[in-house]
Full PDB file with SEQRES, HELIX, SHEET, SSBOND, CRYST1, ORIGX, SCALE, CONECT and MASTER records, all heavy atoms in Angstrom:
SEQRES   1 A   44  VAL ARG ALA ALA VAL ASP ILE LEU ASP VAL ILE GLY GLN          
SEQRES   2 A   44  GLY THR GLU VAL ARG PRO GLN GLY ARG ASN PHE VAL VAL          
SEQRES   3 A   44  ARG CYS PRO PHE HIS ASN ASP ARG ARG PRO SER LEU THR          
SEQRES   4 A   44  ILE ASN PRO GLU ARG                                          
HELIX    1 AA1 ARG A    2  ALA A    4  5                                   3    
HELIX    2 AA2 ILE A    7  ILE A   11  1                                   5    
SHEET    1 AA1 3 ARG A  18  GLN A  20  0                                        
SHEET    2 AA1 3 ASN A  23  VAL A  26 -1                                        
SHEET    3 AA1 3 LEU A  38  ILE A  40 -1                                        
CRYST1    1.000    1.000    1.000  90.00  90.00  90.00 P 1           1          
ORIGX1      1.000000  0.000000  0.000000        0.00000                         
ORIGX2      0.000000  1.000000  0.000000        0.00000                         
ORIGX3      0.000000  0.000000  1.000000        0.00000                         
SCALE1      1.000000  0.000000  0.000000        0.00000                         
SCALE2      0.000000  1.000000  0.000000        0.00000                         
SCALE3      0.000000  0.000000  1.000000        0.00000                         
ATOM      1  N   VAL A   1      62.572  59.722  91.090  1.00  0.00           N  
ATOM      2  CA  VAL A   1      62.721  60.950  90.277  1.00  0.00           C  
ATOM      3  C   VAL A   1      63.937  61.643  90.664  1.00  0.00           C  
ATOM      4  O   VAL A   1      64.692  62.136  89.857  1.00  0.00           O  
ATOM      5  CB  VAL A   1      61.491  61.862  90.307  1.00  0.00           C  
ATOM      6  CG1 VAL A   1      61.745  63.188  89.651  1.00  0.00           C  
ATOM      7  CG2 VAL A   1      60.308  61.135  89.541  1.00  0.00           C  
ATOM      8  N   ARG A   2      64.116  61.874  92.001  1.00  0.00           N  
ATOM      9  CA  ARG A   2      65.311  62.648  92.383  1.00  0.00           C  
ATOM     10  C   ARG A   2      66.579  61.873  91.982  1.00  0.00           C  
ATOM     11  O   ARG A   2      67.531  62.648  91.553  1.00  0.00           O  
ATOM     12  CB  ARG A   2      65.191  62.753  93.902  1.00  0.00           C  
ATOM     13  CG  ARG A   2      66.440  63.711  94.464  1.00  0.00           C  
ATOM     14  CD  ARG A   2      66.360  63.898  95.980  1.00  0.00           C  
ATOM     15  NE  ARG A   2      66.665  62.841  96.706  1.00  0.00           N  
ATOM     16  CZ  ARG A   2      66.692  62.751  97.959  1.00  0.00           C  
ATOM     17  NH1 ARG A   2      66.428  63.762  98.621  1.00  0.00           N  
ATOM     18  NH2 ARG A   2      66.883  61.522  98.727  1.00  0.00           N  
ATOM     19  N   ALA A   3      66.559  60.632  92.081  1.00  0.00           N  
ATOM     20  CA  ALA A   3      67.871  59.801  91.758  1.00  0.00           C  
ATOM     21  C   ALA A   3      68.027  59.929  90.187  1.00  0.00           C  
ATOM     22  O   ALA A   3      69.147  59.717  89.708  1.00  0.00           O  
ATOM     23  CB  ALA A   3      67.628  58.349  92.116  1.00  0.00           C  
ATOM     24  N   ALA A   4      67.079  60.217  89.401  1.00  0.00           N  
ATOM     25  CA  ALA A   4      67.125  60.093  87.947  1.00  0.00           C  
ATOM     26  C   ALA A   4      67.554  61.508  87.349  1.00  0.00           C  
ATOM     27  O   ALA A   4      67.884  61.572  86.219  1.00  0.00           O  
ATOM     28  CB  ALA A   4      65.790  59.691  87.389  1.00  0.00           C  
ATOM     29  N   VAL A   5      67.457  62.608  88.127  1.00  0.00           N  
ATOM     30  CA  VAL A   5      67.682  63.939  87.587  1.00  0.00           C  
ATOM     31  C   VAL A   5      68.954  64.380  88.328  1.00  0.00           C  
ATOM     32  O   VAL A   5      69.081  64.124  89.579  1.00  0.00           O  
ATOM     33  CB  VAL A   5      66.563  64.818  87.699  1.00  0.00           C  
ATOM     34  CG1 VAL A   5      65.428  64.358  86.666  1.00  0.00           C  
ATOM     35  CG2 VAL A   5      66.097  65.104  89.085  1.00  0.00           C  
ATOM     36  N   ASP A   6      69.714  65.229  87.758  1.00  0.00           N  
ATOM     37  CA  ASP A   6      70.876  65.914  88.394  1.00  0.00           C  
ATOM     38  C   ASP A   6      70.481  67.423  88.566  1.00  0.00           C  
ATOM     39  O   ASP A   6      70.191  68.078  87.618  1.00  0.00           O  
ATOM     40  CB  ASP A   6      72.152  65.872  87.598  1.00  0.00           C  
ATOM     41  CG  ASP A   6      73.289  66.346  88.325  1.00  0.00           C  
ATOM     42  OD1 ASP A   6      73.219  67.222  89.129  1.00  0.00           O  
ATOM     43  OD2 ASP A   6      74.470  65.763  88.029  1.00  0.00           O  
ATOM     44  N   ILE A   7      70.559  67.968  89.737  1.00  0.00           N  
ATOM     45  CA  ILE A   7      70.199  69.292  90.048  1.00  0.00           C  
ATOM     46  C   ILE A   7      71.037  70.265  89.259  1.00  0.00           C  
ATOM     47  O   ILE A   7      70.579  71.395  88.879  1.00  0.00           O  
ATOM     48  CB  ILE A   7      70.214  69.586  91.494  1.00  0.00           C  
ATOM     49  CG1 ILE A   7      69.410  70.871  91.875  1.00  0.00           C  
ATOM     50  CG2 ILE A   7      71.571  69.578  92.057  1.00  0.00           C  
ATOM     51  CD1 ILE A   7      69.292  71.327  93.326  1.00  0.00           C  
ATOM     52  N   LEU A   8      72.256  69.982  88.957  1.00  0.00           N  
ATOM     53  CA  LEU A   8      73.022  70.831  88.183  1.00  0.00           C  
ATOM     54  C   LEU A   8      72.659  70.982  86.785  1.00  0.00           C  
ATOM     55  O   LEU A   8      72.551  71.975  86.107  1.00  0.00           O  
ATOM     56  CB  LEU A   8      74.473  70.245  87.991  1.00  0.00           C  
ATOM     57  CG  LEU A   8      75.523  70.537  89.236  1.00  0.00           C  
ATOM     58  CD1 LEU A   8      76.773  69.818  89.061  1.00  0.00           C  
ATOM     59  CD2 LEU A   8      75.678  72.035  89.251  1.00  0.00           C  
ATOM     60  N   ASP A   9      72.114  69.823  86.210  1.00  0.00           N  
ATOM     61  CA  ASP A   9      71.399  69.872  84.846  1.00  0.00           C  
ATOM     62  C   ASP A   9      70.261  70.655  84.865  1.00  0.00           C  
ATOM     63  O   ASP A   9      69.909  71.548  83.941  1.00  0.00           O  
ATOM     64  CB  ASP A   9      71.129  68.478  84.283  1.00  0.00           C  
ATOM     65  CG  ASP A   9      72.430  67.667  84.128  1.00  0.00           C  
ATOM     66  OD1 ASP A   9      73.463  68.283  83.912  1.00  0.00           O  
ATOM     67  OD2 ASP A   9      72.339  66.523  84.179  1.00  0.00           O  
ATOM     68  N   VAL A  10      69.252  70.525  85.972  1.00  0.00           N  
ATOM     69  CA  VAL A  10      68.009  71.300  85.893  1.00  0.00           C  
ATOM     70  C   VAL A  10      68.202  72.752  86.015  1.00  0.00           C  
ATOM     71  O   VAL A  10      67.726  73.595  85.357  1.00  0.00           O  
ATOM     72  CB  VAL A  10      67.186  70.850  87.078  1.00  0.00           C  
ATOM     73  CG1 VAL A  10      65.876  71.581  87.114  1.00  0.00           C  
ATOM     74  CG2 VAL A  10      66.881  69.262  86.885  1.00  0.00           C  
ATOM     75  N   ILE A  11      69.072  73.250  87.096  1.00  0.00           N  
ATOM     76  CA  ILE A  11      69.355  74.609  87.213  1.00  0.00           C  
ATOM     77  C   ILE A  11      70.266  75.275  86.128  1.00  0.00           C  
ATOM     78  O   ILE A  11      69.994  76.360  85.737  1.00  0.00           O  
ATOM     79  CB  ILE A  11      70.064  74.787  88.647  1.00  0.00           C  
ATOM     80  CG1 ILE A  11      69.220  74.353  89.771  1.00  0.00           C  
ATOM     81  CG2 ILE A  11      70.367  76.288  88.760  1.00  0.00           C  
ATOM     82  CD1 ILE A  11      69.778  74.498  91.124  1.00  0.00           C  
ATOM     83  N   GLY A  12      71.032  74.424  85.453  1.00  0.00           N  
ATOM     84  CA  GLY A  12      71.969  74.863  84.451  1.00  0.00           C  
ATOM     85  C   GLY A  12      71.316  74.851  83.124  1.00  0.00           C  
ATOM     86  O   GLY A  12      72.028  75.383  82.089  1.00  0.00           O  
ATOM     87  N   GLN A  13      70.008  74.733  83.014  1.00  0.00           N  
ATOM     88  CA  GLN A  13      69.441  74.795  81.676  1.00  0.00           C  
ATOM     89  C   GLN A  13      69.335  76.251  81.229  1.00  0.00           C  
ATOM     90  O   GLN A  13      68.730  77.125  81.834  1.00  0.00           O  
ATOM     91  CB  GLN A  13      68.031  74.179  81.772  1.00  0.00           C  
ATOM     92  CG  GLN A  13      67.938  72.747  81.878  1.00  0.00           C  
ATOM     93  CD  GLN A  13      66.597  72.215  82.066  1.00  0.00           C  
ATOM     94  OE1 GLN A  13      65.573  73.019  82.165  1.00  0.00           O  
ATOM     95  NE2 GLN A  13      66.389  70.965  82.169  1.00  0.00           N  
ATOM     96  N   GLY A  14      70.015  76.495  80.137  1.00  0.00           N  
ATOM     97  CA  GLY A  14      70.011  77.857  79.518  1.00  0.00           C  
ATOM     98  C   GLY A  14      70.904  78.834  80.234  1.00  0.00           C  
ATOM     99  O   GLY A  14      70.677  80.048  80.015  1.00  0.00           O  
ATOM    100  N   THR A  15      71.728  78.545  81.227  1.00  0.00           N  
ATOM    101  CA  THR A  15      72.525  79.539  81.891  1.00  0.00           C  
ATOM    102  C   THR A  15      73.816  78.861  82.281  1.00  0.00           C  
ATOM    103  O   THR A  15      74.068  77.591  82.350  1.00  0.00           O  
ATOM    104  CB  THR A  15      71.717  79.946  83.178  1.00  0.00           C  
ATOM    105  OG1 THR A  15      72.566  80.996  83.790  1.00  0.00           O  
ATOM    106  CG2 THR A  15      71.668  78.787  84.284  1.00  0.00           C  
ATOM    107  N   GLU A  16      74.890  79.717  82.502  1.00  0.00           N  
ATOM    108  CA  GLU A  16      76.103  79.236  82.851  1.00  0.00           C  
ATOM    109  C   GLU A  16      76.351  78.919  84.376  1.00  0.00           C  
ATOM    110  O   GLU A  16      76.037  79.714  85.244  1.00  0.00           O  
ATOM    111  CB  GLU A  16      77.288  80.335  82.380  1.00  0.00           C  
ATOM    112  CG  GLU A  16      78.659  79.886  82.633  1.00  0.00           C  
ATOM    113  CD  GLU A  16      79.665  81.051  82.338  1.00  0.00           C  
ATOM    114  OE1 GLU A  16      79.192  82.185  82.053  1.00  0.00           O  
ATOM    115  OE2 GLU A  16      80.848  80.741  82.507  1.00  0.00           O  
ATOM    116  N   VAL A  17      76.729  77.670  84.528  1.00  0.00           N  
ATOM    117  CA  VAL A  17      77.115  77.224  85.859  1.00  0.00           C  
ATOM    118  C   VAL A  17      78.698  77.161  86.065  1.00  0.00           C  
ATOM    119  O   VAL A  17      79.253  76.577  85.323  1.00  0.00           O  
ATOM    120  CB  VAL A  17      76.419  75.813  86.211  1.00  0.00           C  
ATOM    121  CG1 VAL A  17      76.914  75.339  87.543  1.00  0.00           C  
ATOM    122  CG2 VAL A  17      74.981  75.891  86.004  1.00  0.00           C  
ATOM    123  N   ARG A  18      79.099  77.802  87.155  1.00  0.00           N  
ATOM    124  CA  ARG A  18      80.555  77.925  87.328  1.00  0.00           C  
ATOM    125  C   ARG A  18      80.872  77.076  88.690  1.00  0.00           C  
ATOM    126  O   ARG A  18      80.229  77.140  89.679  1.00  0.00           O  
ATOM    127  CB  ARG A  18      80.959  79.391  87.652  1.00  0.00           C  
ATOM    128  CG  ARG A  18      80.568  80.301  86.409  1.00  0.00           C  
ATOM    129  CD  ARG A  18      81.084  81.698  86.773  1.00  0.00           C  
ATOM    130  NE  ARG A  18      80.535  82.673  85.784  1.00  0.00           N  
ATOM    131  CZ  ARG A  18      80.742  83.980  85.816  1.00  0.00           C  
ATOM    132  NH1 ARG A  18      81.297  84.432  86.962  1.00  0.00           N  
ATOM    133  NH2 ARG A  18      80.199  84.774  84.937  1.00  0.00           N  
ATOM    134  N   PRO A  19      81.939  76.381  88.621  1.00  0.00           N  
ATOM    135  CA  PRO A  19      82.494  75.698  89.716  1.00  0.00           C  
ATOM    136  C   PRO A  19      83.039  76.754  90.875  1.00  0.00           C  
ATOM    137  O   PRO A  19      83.692  77.757  90.445  1.00  0.00           O  
ATOM    138  CB  PRO A  19      83.570  74.848  89.302  1.00  0.00           C  
ATOM    139  CG  PRO A  19      84.086  75.433  88.032  1.00  0.00           C  
ATOM    140  CD  PRO A  19      82.912  76.125  87.419  1.00  0.00           C  
ATOM    141  N   GLN A  20      82.895  76.415  92.176  1.00  0.00           N  
ATOM    142  CA  GLN A  20      83.378  77.222  93.210  1.00  0.00           C  
ATOM    143  C   GLN A  20      83.699  76.329  94.374  1.00  0.00           C  
ATOM    144  O   GLN A  20      82.838  75.962  95.138  1.00  0.00           O  
ATOM    145  CB  GLN A  20      82.420  78.333  93.585  1.00  0.00           C  
ATOM    146  CG  GLN A  20      82.982  79.481  94.531  1.00  0.00           C  
ATOM    147  CD  GLN A  20      82.065  80.487  94.823  1.00  0.00           C  
ATOM    148  OE1 GLN A  20      81.113  80.316  95.804  1.00  0.00           O  
ATOM    149  NE2 GLN A  20      82.193  81.551  94.266  1.00  0.00           N  
ATOM    150  N   GLY A  21      84.945  75.927  94.419  1.00  0.00           N  
ATOM    151  CA  GLY A  21      85.275  74.873  95.341  1.00  0.00           C  
ATOM    152  C   GLY A  21      84.605  73.614  95.133  1.00  0.00           C  
ATOM    153  O   GLY A  21      84.646  73.169  94.024  1.00  0.00           O  
ATOM    154  N   ARG A  22      83.978  73.063  96.225  1.00  0.00           N  
ATOM    155  CA  ARG A  22      83.345  71.833  95.968  1.00  0.00           C  
ATOM    156  C   ARG A  22      81.853  72.027  95.403  1.00  0.00           C  
ATOM    157  O   ARG A  22      81.165  71.099  95.150  1.00  0.00           O  
ATOM    158  CB  ARG A  22      83.150  71.066  97.289  1.00  0.00           C  
ATOM    159  CG  ARG A  22      84.486  70.680  98.022  1.00  0.00           C  
ATOM    160  CD  ARG A  22      84.452  70.122  99.361  1.00  0.00           C  
ATOM    161  NE  ARG A  22      83.597  68.858  99.244  1.00  0.00           N  
ATOM    162  CZ  ARG A  22      83.483  68.124 100.419  1.00  0.00           C  
ATOM    163  NH1 ARG A  22      83.885  68.463 101.523  1.00  0.00           N  
ATOM    164  NH2 ARG A  22      82.799  66.942 100.215  1.00  0.00           N  
ATOM    165  N   ASN A  23      81.407  73.399  95.497  1.00  0.00           N  
ATOM    166  CA  ASN A  23      80.088  73.736  94.974  1.00  0.00           C  
ATOM    167  C   ASN A  23      80.052  74.303  93.538  1.00  0.00           C  
ATOM    168  O   ASN A  23      81.181  74.339  92.976  1.00  0.00           O  
ATOM    169  CB  ASN A  23      79.354  74.611  95.991  1.00  0.00           C  
ATOM    170  CG  ASN A  23      79.172  73.932  97.348  1.00  0.00           C  
ATOM    171  OD1 ASN A  23      78.893  72.705  97.470  1.00  0.00           O  
ATOM    172  ND2 ASN A  23      79.243  74.705  98.394  1.00  0.00           N  
ATOM    173  N   PHE A  24      78.922  74.725  93.181  1.00  0.00           N  
ATOM    174  CA  PHE A  24      78.821  75.508  91.882  1.00  0.00           C  
ATOM    175  C   PHE A  24      78.022  76.693  92.151  1.00  0.00           C  
ATOM    176  O   PHE A  24      77.075  76.634  93.083  1.00  0.00           O  
ATOM    177  CB  PHE A  24      78.125  74.592  90.787  1.00  0.00           C  
ATOM    178  CG  PHE A  24      79.037  73.439  90.242  1.00  0.00           C  
ATOM    179  CD1 PHE A  24      79.210  72.253  91.037  1.00  0.00           C  
ATOM    180  CD2 PHE A  24      79.757  73.586  89.084  1.00  0.00           C  
ATOM    181  CE1 PHE A  24      79.847  71.234  90.606  1.00  0.00           C  
ATOM    182  CE2 PHE A  24      80.579  72.520  88.712  1.00  0.00           C  
ATOM    183  CZ  PHE A  24      80.597  71.401  89.413  1.00  0.00           C  
ATOM    184  N   VAL A  25      78.248  77.647  91.371  1.00  0.00           N  
ATOM    185  CA  VAL A  25      77.287  78.925  91.408  1.00  0.00           C  
ATOM    186  C   VAL A  25      76.866  79.321  90.147  1.00  0.00           C  
ATOM    187  O   VAL A  25      77.292  79.017  89.135  1.00  0.00           O  
ATOM    188  CB  VAL A  25      78.182  80.193  92.116  1.00  0.00           C  
ATOM    189  CG1 VAL A  25      78.609  79.881  93.511  1.00  0.00           C  
ATOM    190  CG2 VAL A  25      79.369  80.384  91.164  1.00  0.00           C  
ATOM    191  N   VAL A  26      75.581  80.057  90.176  1.00  0.00           N  
ATOM    192  CA  VAL A  26      74.904  80.502  88.945  1.00  0.00           C  
ATOM    193  C   VAL A  26      74.223  81.750  89.298  1.00  0.00           C  
ATOM    194  O   VAL A  26      73.842  82.080  90.472  1.00  0.00           O  
ATOM    195  CB  VAL A  26      74.062  79.303  88.520  1.00  0.00           C  
ATOM    196  CG1 VAL A  26      72.849  79.032  89.524  1.00  0.00           C  
ATOM    197  CG2 VAL A  26      73.403  79.750  87.176  1.00  0.00           C  
ATOM    198  N   ARG A  27      73.973  82.547  88.327  1.00  0.00           N  
ATOM    199  CA  ARG A  27      73.116  83.810  88.518  1.00  0.00           C  
ATOM    200  C   ARG A  27      71.751  83.482  88.935  1.00  0.00           C  
ATOM    201  O   ARG A  27      71.102  82.626  88.181  1.00  0.00           O  
ATOM    202  CB  ARG A  27      73.106  84.699  87.308  1.00  0.00           C  
ATOM    203  CG  ARG A  27      74.483  85.431  87.057  1.00  0.00           C  
ATOM    204  CD  ARG A  27      74.305  86.367  85.996  1.00  0.00           C  
ATOM    205  NE  ARG A  27      75.550  87.077  85.796  1.00  0.00           N  
ATOM    206  CZ  ARG A  27      75.706  88.087  84.778  1.00  0.00           C  
ATOM    207  NH1 ARG A  27      74.769  88.419  84.014  1.00  0.00           N  
ATOM    208  NH2 ARG A  27      76.819  88.753  84.755  1.00  0.00           N  
ATOM    209  N   CYS A  28      71.244  83.861  89.953  1.00  0.00           N  
ATOM    210  CA  CYS A  28      69.951  83.568  90.526  1.00  0.00           C  
ATOM    211  C   CYS A  28      68.871  84.159  89.569  1.00  0.00           C  
ATOM    212  O   CYS A  28      68.890  85.354  89.256  1.00  0.00           O  
ATOM    213  CB  CYS A  28      69.711  84.090  92.006  1.00  0.00           C  
ATOM    214  SG  CYS A  28      68.023  83.730  92.596  1.00  0.00           S  
ATOM    215  N   PRO A  29      67.992  83.323  89.120  1.00  0.00           N  
ATOM    216  CA  PRO A  29      66.914  83.798  88.106  1.00  0.00           C  
ATOM    217  C   PRO A  29      65.718  84.479  88.867  1.00  0.00           C  
ATOM    218  O   PRO A  29      64.835  84.983  88.286  1.00  0.00           O  
ATOM    219  CB  PRO A  29      66.370  82.595  87.572  1.00  0.00           C  
ATOM    220  CG  PRO A  29      66.662  81.489  88.561  1.00  0.00           C  
ATOM    221  CD  PRO A  29      67.960  81.857  89.272  1.00  0.00           C  
ATOM    222  N   PHE A  30      65.785  84.469  90.400  1.00  0.00           N  
ATOM    223  CA  PHE A  30      64.606  84.970  90.967  1.00  0.00           C  
ATOM    224  C   PHE A  30      64.888  86.465  91.544  1.00  0.00           C  
ATOM    225  O   PHE A  30      64.039  87.093  92.172  1.00  0.00           O  
ATOM    226  CB  PHE A  30      64.358  84.128  92.257  1.00  0.00           C  
ATOM    227  CG  PHE A  30      64.299  82.761  91.825  1.00  0.00           C  
ATOM    228  CD1 PHE A  30      65.076  81.730  92.436  1.00  0.00           C  
ATOM    229  CD2 PHE A  30      63.278  82.312  90.907  1.00  0.00           C  
ATOM    230  CE1 PHE A  30      65.000  80.397  92.045  1.00  0.00           C  
ATOM    231  CE2 PHE A  30      63.239  80.991  90.533  1.00  0.00           C  
ATOM    232  CZ  PHE A  30      64.100  80.037  91.012  1.00  0.00           C  
ATOM    233  N   HIS A  31      66.001  87.080  91.156  1.00  0.00           N  
ATOM    234  CA  HIS A  31      66.279  88.475  91.357  1.00  0.00           C  
ATOM    235  C   HIS A  31      67.381  88.961  90.424  1.00  0.00           C  
ATOM    236  O   HIS A  31      67.949  88.218  89.690  1.00  0.00           O  
ATOM    237  CB  HIS A  31      66.747  88.763  92.832  1.00  0.00           C  
ATOM    238  CG  HIS A  31      68.138  88.454  93.194  1.00  0.00           C  
ATOM    239  ND1 HIS A  31      68.554  87.019  93.385  1.00  0.00           N  
ATOM    240  CD2 HIS A  31      69.335  89.161  93.138  1.00  0.00           C  
ATOM    241  CE1 HIS A  31      69.801  87.141  93.601  1.00  0.00           C  
ATOM    242  NE2 HIS A  31      70.409  88.314  93.393  1.00  0.00           N  
ATOM    243  N   ASN A  32      67.454  90.273  90.302  1.00  0.00           N  
ATOM    244  CA  ASN A  32      68.304  90.824  89.330  1.00  0.00           C  
ATOM    245  C   ASN A  32      69.826  90.571  89.807  1.00  0.00           C  
ATOM    246  O   ASN A  32      70.392  91.408  90.431  1.00  0.00           O  
ATOM    247  CB  ASN A  32      68.107  92.357  89.093  1.00  0.00           C  
ATOM    248  CG  ASN A  32      66.831  92.585  88.411  1.00  0.00           C  
ATOM    249  OD1 ASN A  32      66.380  91.870  87.483  1.00  0.00           O  
ATOM    250  ND2 ASN A  32      65.977  93.492  88.901  1.00  0.00           N  
ATOM    251  N   ASP A  33      70.350  89.439  89.492  1.00  0.00           N  
ATOM    252  CA  ASP A  33      71.599  89.016  89.976  1.00  0.00           C  
ATOM    253  C   ASP A  33      72.703  89.426  88.936  1.00  0.00           C  
ATOM    254  O   ASP A  33      72.743  88.945  87.848  1.00  0.00           O  
ATOM    255  CB  ASP A  33      71.562  87.473  90.146  1.00  0.00           C  
ATOM    256  CG  ASP A  33      72.703  86.978  91.110  1.00  0.00           C  
ATOM    257  OD1 ASP A  33      73.312  87.831  91.592  1.00  0.00           O  
ATOM    258  OD2 ASP A  33      72.783  85.739  91.233  1.00  0.00           O  
ATOM    259  N   ARG A  34      73.607  90.359  89.464  1.00  0.00           N  
ATOM    260  CA  ARG A  34      74.680  90.853  88.645  1.00  0.00           C  
ATOM    261  C   ARG A  34      75.864  89.803  88.665  1.00  0.00           C  
ATOM    262  O   ARG A  34      76.681  89.695  87.739  1.00  0.00           O  
ATOM    263  CB  ARG A  34      75.132  92.135  88.896  1.00  0.00           C  
ATOM    264  CG  ARG A  34      73.967  93.210  88.832  1.00  0.00           C  
ATOM    265  CD  ARG A  34      74.470  94.627  89.134  1.00  0.00           C  
ATOM    266  NE  ARG A  34      73.448  95.658  88.773  1.00  0.00           N  
ATOM    267  CZ  ARG A  34      73.615  96.831  88.923  1.00  0.00           C  
ATOM    268  NH1 ARG A  34      74.793  97.365  89.307  1.00  0.00           N  
ATOM    269  NH2 ARG A  34      72.669  97.773  88.602  1.00  0.00           N  
ATOM    270  N   ARG A  35      76.140  89.149  89.826  1.00  0.00           N  
ATOM    271  CA  ARG A  35      77.007  88.184  89.889  1.00  0.00           C  
ATOM    272  C   ARG A  35      76.501  86.907  90.494  1.00  0.00           C  
ATOM    273  O   ARG A  35      75.513  86.946  91.335  1.00  0.00           O  
ATOM    274  CB  ARG A  35      78.318  88.686  90.685  1.00  0.00           C  
ATOM    275  CG  ARG A  35      77.895  89.018  92.109  1.00  0.00           C  
ATOM    276  CD  ARG A  35      79.209  89.523  92.890  1.00  0.00           C  
ATOM    277  NE  ARG A  35      78.871  89.801  94.299  1.00  0.00           N  
ATOM    278  CZ  ARG A  35      79.818  90.151  95.297  1.00  0.00           C  
ATOM    279  NH1 ARG A  35      81.092  90.319  94.767  1.00  0.00           N  
ATOM    280  NH2 ARG A  35      79.613  90.394  96.431  1.00  0.00           N  
ATOM    281  N   PRO A  36      77.137  85.713  90.206  1.00  0.00           N  
ATOM    282  CA  PRO A  36      76.369  84.511  90.674  1.00  0.00           C  
ATOM    283  C   PRO A  36      76.294  84.475  92.125  1.00  0.00           C  
ATOM    284  O   PRO A  36      77.212  84.562  92.903  1.00  0.00           O  
ATOM    285  CB  PRO A  36      77.343  83.505  90.099  1.00  0.00           C  
ATOM    286  CG  PRO A  36      78.053  83.997  89.001  1.00  0.00           C  
ATOM    287  CD  PRO A  36      78.175  85.453  89.369  1.00  0.00           C  
ATOM    288  N   SER A  37      75.096  84.357  92.741  1.00  0.00           N  
ATOM    289  CA  SER A  37      74.848  84.263  94.199  1.00  0.00           C  
ATOM    290  C   SER A  37      73.983  82.957  94.517  1.00  0.00           C  
ATOM    291  O   SER A  37      73.650  82.745  95.621  1.00  0.00           O  
ATOM    292  CB  SER A  37      74.130  85.567  94.625  1.00  0.00           C  
ATOM    293  OG  SER A  37      72.823  85.652  93.975  1.00  0.00           O  
ATOM    294  N   LEU A  38      73.540  82.200  93.556  1.00  0.00           N  
ATOM    295  CA  LEU A  38      72.782  81.014  93.803  1.00  0.00           C  
ATOM    296  C   LEU A  38      73.928  79.878  93.886  1.00  0.00           C  
ATOM    297  O   LEU A  38      74.605  79.543  92.947  1.00  0.00           O  
ATOM    298  CB  LEU A  38      71.773  80.678  92.909  1.00  0.00           C  
ATOM    299  CG  LEU A  38      70.776  79.598  93.096  1.00  0.00           C  
ATOM    300  CD1 LEU A  38      69.456  79.812  92.445  1.00  0.00           C  
ATOM    301  CD2 LEU A  38      71.359  78.196  92.677  1.00  0.00           C  
ATOM    302  N   THR A  39      74.035  79.227  94.976  1.00  0.00           N  
ATOM    303  CA  THR A  39      74.993  78.092  95.292  1.00  0.00           C  
ATOM    304  C   THR A  39      74.178  76.819  95.083  1.00  0.00           C  
ATOM    305  O   THR A  39      73.113  76.515  95.612  1.00  0.00           O  
ATOM    306  CB  THR A  39      75.557  78.181  96.653  1.00  0.00           C  
ATOM    307  OG1 THR A  39      76.212  79.436  96.788  1.00  0.00           O  
ATOM    308  CG2 THR A  39      76.621  77.090  96.877  1.00  0.00           C  
ATOM    309  N   ILE A  40      74.970  75.878  94.309  1.00  0.00           N  
ATOM    310  CA  ILE A  40      74.427  74.520  94.115  1.00  0.00           C  
ATOM    311  C   ILE A  40      75.363  73.544  94.870  1.00  0.00           C  
ATOM    312  O   ILE A  40      76.539  73.655  94.580  1.00  0.00           O  
ATOM    313  CB  ILE A  40      74.310  74.162  92.626  1.00  0.00           C  
ATOM    314  CG1 ILE A  40      73.450  75.290  91.891  1.00  0.00           C  
ATOM    315  CG2 ILE A  40      73.701  72.737  92.489  1.00  0.00           C  
ATOM    316  CD1 ILE A  40      73.560  75.138  90.389  1.00  0.00           C  
ATOM    317  N   ASN A  41      74.789  72.665  95.683  1.00  0.00           N  
ATOM    318  CA  ASN A  41      75.650  71.636  96.260  1.00  0.00           C  
ATOM    319  C   ASN A  41      75.274  70.300  95.577  1.00  0.00           C  
ATOM    320  O   ASN A  41      74.334  69.648  95.865  1.00  0.00           O  
ATOM    321  CB  ASN A  41      75.353  71.564  97.801  1.00  0.00           C  
ATOM    322  CG  ASN A  41      76.283  70.581  98.565  1.00  0.00           C  
ATOM    323  OD1 ASN A  41      76.614  69.458  98.010  1.00  0.00           O  
ATOM    324  ND2 ASN A  41      76.832  71.062  99.671  1.00  0.00           N  
ATOM    325  N   PRO A  42      76.298  69.788  94.684  1.00  0.00           N  
ATOM    326  CA  PRO A  42      76.012  68.614  93.931  1.00  0.00           C  
ATOM    327  C   PRO A  42      75.889  67.326  94.854  1.00  0.00           C  
ATOM    328  O   PRO A  42      75.289  66.364  94.499  1.00  0.00           O  
ATOM    329  CB  PRO A  42      77.078  68.590  92.869  1.00  0.00           C  
ATOM    330  CG  PRO A  42      78.159  69.276  93.509  1.00  0.00           C  
ATOM    331  CD  PRO A  42      77.507  70.385  94.360  1.00  0.00           C  
ATOM    332  N   GLU A  43      76.661  67.339  95.889  1.00  0.00           N  
ATOM    333  CA  GLU A  43      76.680  66.129  96.822  1.00  0.00           C  
ATOM    334  C   GLU A  43      75.341  65.935  97.528  1.00  0.00           C  
ATOM    335  O   GLU A  43      74.787  64.936  97.506  1.00  0.00           O  
ATOM    336  CB  GLU A  43      77.839  66.318  97.853  1.00  0.00           C  
ATOM    337  CG  GLU A  43      79.187  66.211  97.231  1.00  0.00           C  
ATOM    338  CD  GLU A  43      80.261  66.343  98.268  1.00  0.00           C  
ATOM    339  OE1 GLU A  43      79.832  66.072  99.415  1.00  0.00           O  
ATOM    340  OE2 GLU A  43      81.373  66.677  97.967  1.00  0.00           O  
ATOM    341  N   ARG A  44      74.840  67.063  98.094  1.00  0.00           N  
ATOM    342  CA  ARG A  44      73.476  67.172  98.660  1.00  0.00           C  
ATOM    343  C   ARG A  44      72.380  67.240  97.701  1.00  0.00           C  
ATOM    344  O   ARG A  44      71.243  67.065  98.131  1.00  0.00           O  
ATOM    345  CB  ARG A  44      73.434  68.121  99.798  1.00  0.00           C  
ATOM    346  CG  ARG A  44      74.521  68.138 100.887  1.00  0.00           C  
ATOM    347  CD  ARG A  44      74.468  69.385 101.613  1.00  0.00           C  
ATOM    348  NE  ARG A  44      75.444  69.371 102.786  1.00  0.00           N  
ATOM    349  CZ  ARG A  44      75.786  70.404 103.413  1.00  0.00           C  
ATOM    350  NH1 ARG A  44      75.310  71.615 103.135  1.00  0.00           N  
ATOM    351  NH2 ARG A  44      76.755  70.386 104.314  1.00  0.00           N  
TER     352      ARG A  44                                                      
MASTER        0    0    0    2    3    0    0    6  351    1    0    4          
END                                                                             
């Protein structure tokens, strides 16, 4: 299952994902996030 899904697609459903260096950032849905603070590492 982990090999079949991409974490970027799962977290990015319905929200904007922005590149930041080798990683990506998105507004965290678990707190009132005014600027993207959730970091996604696509390699790991």
